[in-house]
């Protein structure tokens, strides 16, 4: 597998529970549908956090950012619950996890195949609009393994 490969990654698998959600544009209804379609019970906390996550379009959040939003919205939730919910939504294919520096993890509401710029100065993750990025050579994969997804994060800083 050393030929040129389009660097696009895998699309999320929201259909894990076997049905596609029927979205109406109403964030509360749509979050309920998304959770049920992914096989997750729509608890009050999941609904509230899902509404905060998905009600504002495609975005990139850390657990701490979502916890702060929940606190401002008077959603009674602990940081541990935010982490657990984000991990459950990721496992269900509703979010995509993007690691920066191995220490900072963002959760992306856009689970389609795409890559990111990381703006170092303001610690912000931004989608790269070019879907045709090419990786010239793929590494040889160890026996018994296959590539599941490629995540490209291009770090940017202001010119000095």
C-alpha atoms as a PDB file:
ATOM      1  CA  UNK A   1       0.000   0.000   0.000  1.00  0.00           C
ATOM      2  CA  UNK A   2       2.660   2.544  -1.038  1.00  0.00           C
ATOM      3  CA  UNK A   3       0.747   4.238  -3.839  1.00  0.00           C
ATOM      4  CA  UNK A   4      -0.766   7.728  -3.624  1.00  0.00           C
ATOM      5  CA  UNK A   5      -3.788   7.716  -1.365  1.00  0.00           C
ATOM      6  CA  UNK A   6      -6.454  10.357  -0.905  1.00  0.00           C
ATOM      7  CA  UNK A   7      -6.348  11.463   2.708  1.00  0.00           C
ATOM      8  CA  UNK A   8     -10.003  11.487   3.558  1.00  0.00           C
ATOM      9  CA  UNK A   9     -10.598   9.158   6.514  1.00  0.00           C
ATOM     10  CA  UNK A  10     -13.812   7.291   7.308  1.00  0.00           C
ATOM     11  CA  UNK A  11     -17.278   8.712   7.555  1.00  0.00           C
ATOM     12  CA  UNK A  12     -18.937   8.224  10.919  1.00  0.00           C
ATOM     13  CA  UNK A  13     -21.232   5.309  11.448  1.00  0.00           C
ATOM     14  CA  UNK A  14     -24.391   6.784  12.875  1.00  0.00           C
ATOM     15  CA  UNK A  15     -26.293   3.812  11.520  1.00  0.00           C
ATOM     16  CA  UNK A  16     -24.833   1.586  14.245  1.00  0.00           C
ATOM     17  CA  UNK A  17     -28.318   0.971  15.624  1.00  0.00           C
ATOM     18  CA  UNK A  18     -29.664   0.199  12.154  1.00  0.00           C
ATOM     19  CA  UNK A  19     -31.789   3.234  11.260  1.00  0.00           C
ATOM     20  CA  UNK A  20     -31.225   6.733   9.955  1.00  0.00           C
ATOM     21  CA  UNK A  21     -32.578   9.583  12.091  1.00  0.00           C
ATOM     22  CA  UNK A  22     -35.477  11.638  10.743  1.00  0.00           C
ATOM     23  CA  UNK A  23     -34.240  15.207  11.165  1.00  0.00           C
ATOM     24  CA  UNK A  24     -36.675  18.133  11.140  1.00  0.00           C
ATOM     25  CA  UNK A  25     -34.446  21.133  11.886  1.00  0.00           C
ATOM     26  CA  UNK A  26     -35.722  21.345  15.463  1.00  0.00           C
ATOM     27  CA  UNK A  27     -32.562  20.818  17.577  1.00  0.00           C
ATOM     28  CA  UNK A  28     -34.388  19.117  20.481  1.00  0.00           C
ATOM     29  CA  UNK A  29     -36.250  16.676  18.196  1.00  0.00           C
ATOM     30  CA  UNK A  30     -33.162  16.063  16.061  1.00  0.00           C
ATOM     31  CA  UNK A  31     -30.935  15.290  19.067  1.00  0.00           C
ATOM     32  CA  UNK A  32     -33.556  12.818  20.316  1.00  0.00           C
ATOM     33  CA  UNK A  33     -33.678  11.153  16.884  1.00  0.00           C
ATOM     34  CA  UNK A  34     -29.868  11.060  16.576  1.00  0.00           C
ATOM     35  CA  UNK A  35     -29.464   9.457  19.996  1.00  0.00           C
ATOM     36  CA  UNK A  36     -32.137   6.841  19.366  1.00  0.00           C
ATOM     37  CA  UNK A  37     -30.815   6.038  15.872  1.00  0.00           C
ATOM     38  CA  UNK A  38     -27.357   5.496  17.417  1.00  0.00           C
ATOM     39  CA  UNK A  39     -28.810   3.184  20.069  1.00  0.00           C
ATOM     40  CA  UNK A  40     -28.390   5.625  22.966  1.00  0.00           C
ATOM     41  CA  UNK A  41     -31.150   6.360  25.462  1.00  0.00           C
ATOM     42  CA  UNK A  42     -32.088  10.072  25.309  1.00  0.00           C
ATOM     43  CA  UNK A  43     -31.543  10.930  28.988  1.00  0.00           C
ATOM     44  CA  UNK A  44     -32.038  14.511  30.178  1.00  0.00           C
ATOM     45  CA  UNK A  45     -28.291  15.087  30.388  1.00  0.00           C
ATOM     46  CA  UNK A  46     -27.566  13.602  26.941  1.00  0.00           C
ATOM     47  CA  UNK A  47     -30.398  15.646  25.458  1.00  0.00           C
ATOM     48  CA  UNK A  48     -29.177  18.886  27.037  1.00  0.00           C
ATOM     49  CA  UNK A  49     -25.539  18.298  26.065  1.00  0.00           C
ATOM     50  CA  UNK A  50     -26.588  17.155  22.585  1.00  0.00           C
ATOM     51  CA  UNK A  51     -28.650  20.296  22.145  1.00  0.00           C
ATOM     52  CA  UNK A  52     -25.619  22.417  23.074  1.00  0.00           C
ATOM     53  CA  UNK A  53     -23.358  20.392  20.771  1.00  0.00           C
ATOM     54  CA  UNK A  54     -25.512  20.009  17.681  1.00  0.00           C
ATOM     55  CA  UNK A  55     -27.833  23.022  17.910  1.00  0.00           C
ATOM     56  CA  UNK A  56     -25.207  25.439  16.543  1.00  0.00           C
ATOM     57  CA  UNK A  57     -24.050  23.617  13.414  1.00  0.00           C
ATOM     58  CA  UNK A  58     -20.632  22.089  12.801  1.00  0.00           C
ATOM     59  CA  UNK A  59     -18.178  22.917  15.564  1.00  0.00           C
ATOM     60  CA  UNK A  60     -15.122  21.758  17.485  1.00  0.00           C
ATOM     61  CA  UNK A  61     -15.275  21.631  21.283  1.00  0.00           C
ATOM     62  CA  UNK A  62     -13.211  20.293  24.142  1.00  0.00           C
ATOM     63  CA  UNK A  63     -14.945  18.736  27.143  1.00  0.00           C
ATOM     64  CA  UNK A  64     -14.032  21.827  29.162  1.00  0.00           C
ATOM     65  CA  UNK A  65     -15.598  24.144  26.564  1.00  0.00           C
ATOM     66  CA  UNK A  66     -18.832  22.125  26.569  1.00  0.00           C
ATOM     67  CA  UNK A  67     -18.867  22.027  30.372  1.00  0.00           C
ATOM     68  CA  UNK A  68     -18.538  25.830  30.445  1.00  0.00           C
ATOM     69  CA  UNK A  69     -21.402  26.195  27.945  1.00  0.00           C
ATOM     70  CA  UNK A  70     -23.537  23.815  30.000  1.00  0.00           C
ATOM     71  CA  UNK A  71     -22.794  25.783  33.180  1.00  0.00           C
ATOM     72  CA  UNK A  72     -23.800  29.055  31.483  1.00  0.00           C
ATOM     73  CA  UNK A  73     -26.986  27.387  30.196  1.00  0.00           C
ATOM     74  CA  UNK A  74     -27.787  26.200  33.755  1.00  0.00           C
ATOM     75  CA  UNK A  75     -27.513  22.525  32.777  1.00  0.00           C
ATOM     76  CA  UNK A  76     -26.732  20.620  36.004  1.00  0.00           C
ATOM     77  CA  UNK A  77     -23.912  18.365  34.839  1.00  0.00           C
ATOM     78  CA  UNK A  78     -20.444  17.435  36.116  1.00  0.00           C
ATOM     79  CA  UNK A  79     -17.271  17.569  34.033  1.00  0.00           C
ATOM     80  CA  UNK A  80     -17.031  13.767  34.375  1.00  0.00           C
ATOM     81  CA  UNK A  81     -20.525  13.404  32.872  1.00  0.00           C
ATOM     82  CA  UNK A  82     -19.519  15.702  29.999  1.00  0.00           C
ATOM     83  CA  UNK A  83     -16.470  13.505  29.290  1.00  0.00           C
ATOM     84  CA  UNK A  84     -18.549  10.312  29.518  1.00  0.00           C
ATOM     85  CA  UNK A  85     -21.230  11.702  27.217  1.00  0.00           C
ATOM     86  CA  UNK A  86     -18.704  12.930  24.647  1.00  0.00           C
ATOM     87  CA  UNK A  87     -17.036   9.513  24.621  1.00  0.00           C
ATOM     88  CA  UNK A  88     -20.413   7.744  24.272  1.00  0.00           C
ATOM     89  CA  UNK A  89     -21.401  10.025  21.373  1.00  0.00           C
ATOM     90  CA  UNK A  90     -18.019   9.397  19.742  1.00  0.00           C
ATOM     91  CA  UNK A  91     -18.348   5.619  20.155  1.00  0.00           C
ATOM     92  CA  UNK A  92     -21.835   5.850  18.611  1.00  0.00           C
ATOM     93  CA  UNK A  93     -20.450   7.704  15.566  1.00  0.00           C
ATOM     94  CA  UNK A  94     -22.164  11.022  16.321  1.00  0.00           C
ATOM     95  CA  UNK A  95     -18.906  12.851  17.082  1.00  0.00           C
ATOM     96  CA  UNK A  96     -15.357  12.597  15.834  1.00  0.00           C
ATOM     97  CA  UNK A  97     -12.444  12.842  18.236  1.00  0.00           C
ATOM     98  CA  UNK A  98      -9.440  14.910  17.096  1.00  0.00           C
ATOM     99  CA  UNK A  99      -6.294  14.931  19.233  1.00  0.00           C
ATOM    100  CA  UNK A 100      -3.834  17.811  19.175  1.00  0.00           C
ATOM    101  CA  UNK A 101      -0.460  17.387  20.912  1.00  0.00           C
ATOM    102  CA  UNK A 102      -1.693  14.186  22.528  1.00  0.00           C
ATOM    103  CA  UNK A 103      -2.928  16.241  25.483  1.00  0.00           C
ATOM    104  CA  UNK A 104      -5.742  18.316  23.976  1.00  0.00           C
ATOM    105  CA  UNK A 105      -8.749  16.512  22.535  1.00  0.00           C
ATOM    106  CA  UNK A 106     -11.448  18.190  20.487  1.00  0.00           C
ATOM    107  CA  UNK A 107     -14.801  16.696  19.586  1.00  0.00           C
ATOM    108  CA  UNK A 108     -16.040  17.499  16.084  1.00  0.00           C
ATOM    109  CA  UNK A 109     -19.752  17.484  15.270  1.00  0.00           C
ATOM    110  CA  UNK A 110     -18.887  17.032  11.585  1.00  0.00           C
ATOM    111  CA  UNK A 111     -18.170  13.298  11.260  1.00  0.00           C
ATOM    112  CA  UNK A 112     -17.618  13.382   7.497  1.00  0.00           C
ATOM    113  CA  UNK A 113     -14.134  12.730   6.126  1.00  0.00           C
ATOM    114  CA  UNK A 114     -12.132  15.939   6.493  1.00  0.00           C
ATOM    115  CA  UNK A 115      -8.988  17.369   8.066  1.00  0.00           C
ATOM    116  CA  UNK A 116      -8.089  20.323  10.263  1.00  0.00           C
ATOM    117  CA  UNK A 117      -5.957  23.392  10.758  1.00  0.00           C
ATOM    118  CA  UNK A 118      -4.953  23.999  14.364  1.00  0.00           C
ATOM    119  CA  UNK A 119      -4.464  27.702  15.112  1.00  0.00           C
ATOM    120  CA  UNK A 120      -1.779  27.599  17.787  1.00  0.00           C
ATOM    121  CA  UNK A 121      -2.247  31.179  19.040  1.00  0.00           C
ATOM    122  CA  UNK A 122      -5.899  30.813  20.012  1.00  0.00           C
ATOM    123  CA  UNK A 123      -6.070  27.002  20.390  1.00  0.00           C
ATOM    124  CA  UNK A 124      -8.753  26.686  17.715  1.00  0.00           C
ATOM    125  CA  UNK A 125      -9.489  23.799  15.354  1.00  0.00           C
ATOM    126  CA  UNK A 126     -10.777  24.734  11.873  1.00  0.00           C
ATOM    127  CA  UNK A 127     -11.896  22.444   9.055  1.00  0.00           C
ATOM    128  CA  UNK A 128      -9.627  22.290   5.981  1.00  0.00           C
ATOM    129  CA  UNK A 129     -11.945  22.960   3.045  1.00  0.00           C
ATOM    130  CA  UNK A 130      -9.942  20.942   0.461  1.00  0.00           C
ATOM    131  CA  UNK A 131     -11.300  17.366   0.234  1.00  0.00           C
ATOM    132  CA  UNK A 132      -8.610  16.384  -2.299  1.00  0.00           C
ATOM    133  CA  UNK A 133      -5.542  16.323  -0.090  1.00  0.00           C
ATOM    134  CA  UNK A 134      -3.115  13.601  -1.126  1.00  0.00           C
ATOM    135  CA  UNK A 135      -0.617  11.688   0.955  1.00  0.00           C
ATOM    136  CA  UNK A 136       2.250  10.731  -1.370  1.00  0.00           C
ATOM    137  CA  UNK A 137       3.199   7.473   0.330  1.00  0.00           C
ATOM    138  CA  UNK A 138       1.384   5.402   2.896  1.00  0.00           C
ATOM    139  CA  UNK A 139       3.409   3.542   5.511  1.00  0.00           C
ATOM    140  CA  UNK A 140       3.574  -0.237   5.465  1.00  0.00           C
ATOM    141  CA  UNK A 141       0.991  -1.491   7.923  1.00  0.00           C
ATOM    142  CA  UNK A 142       2.054  -4.215  10.389  1.00  0.00           C
ATOM    143  CA  UNK A 143       0.741  -7.720   9.734  1.00  0.00           C
ATOM    144  CA  UNK A 144      -2.797  -8.197  11.018  1.00  0.00           C
ATOM    145  CA  UNK A 145      -3.711  -4.480  10.925  1.00  0.00           C
ATOM    146  CA  UNK A 146      -5.467  -2.150   8.522  1.00  0.00           C
ATOM    147  CA  UNK A 147      -5.776   1.621   8.379  1.00  0.00           C
ATOM    148  CA  UNK A 148      -9.118   2.666   9.849  1.00  0.00           C
ATOM    149  CA  UNK A 149      -8.799   6.433   9.424  1.00  0.00           C
ATOM    150  CA  UNK A 150      -6.204   9.094   8.743  1.00  0.00           C
ATOM    151  CA  UNK A 151      -6.450  12.342  10.669  1.00  0.00           C
ATOM    152  CA  UNK A 152      -4.380  15.241   9.417  1.00  0.00           C
ATOM    153  CA  UNK A 153      -3.917  18.264  11.668  1.00  0.00           C
ATOM    154  CA  UNK A 154      -1.915  21.117  10.126  1.00  0.00           C
ATOM    155  CA  UNK A 155      -0.607  23.449  12.814  1.00  0.00           C
ATOM    156  CA  UNK A 156      -0.617  27.165  11.969  1.00  0.00           C
ATOM    157  CA  UNK A 157       0.900  30.158  13.754  1.00  0.00           C
ATOM    158  CA  UNK A 158       0.952  33.863  12.941  1.00  0.00           C
ATOM    159  CA  UNK A 159       3.950  35.017  10.906  1.00  0.00           C
ATOM    160  CA  UNK A 160       6.551  36.828  12.964  1.00  0.00           C
END
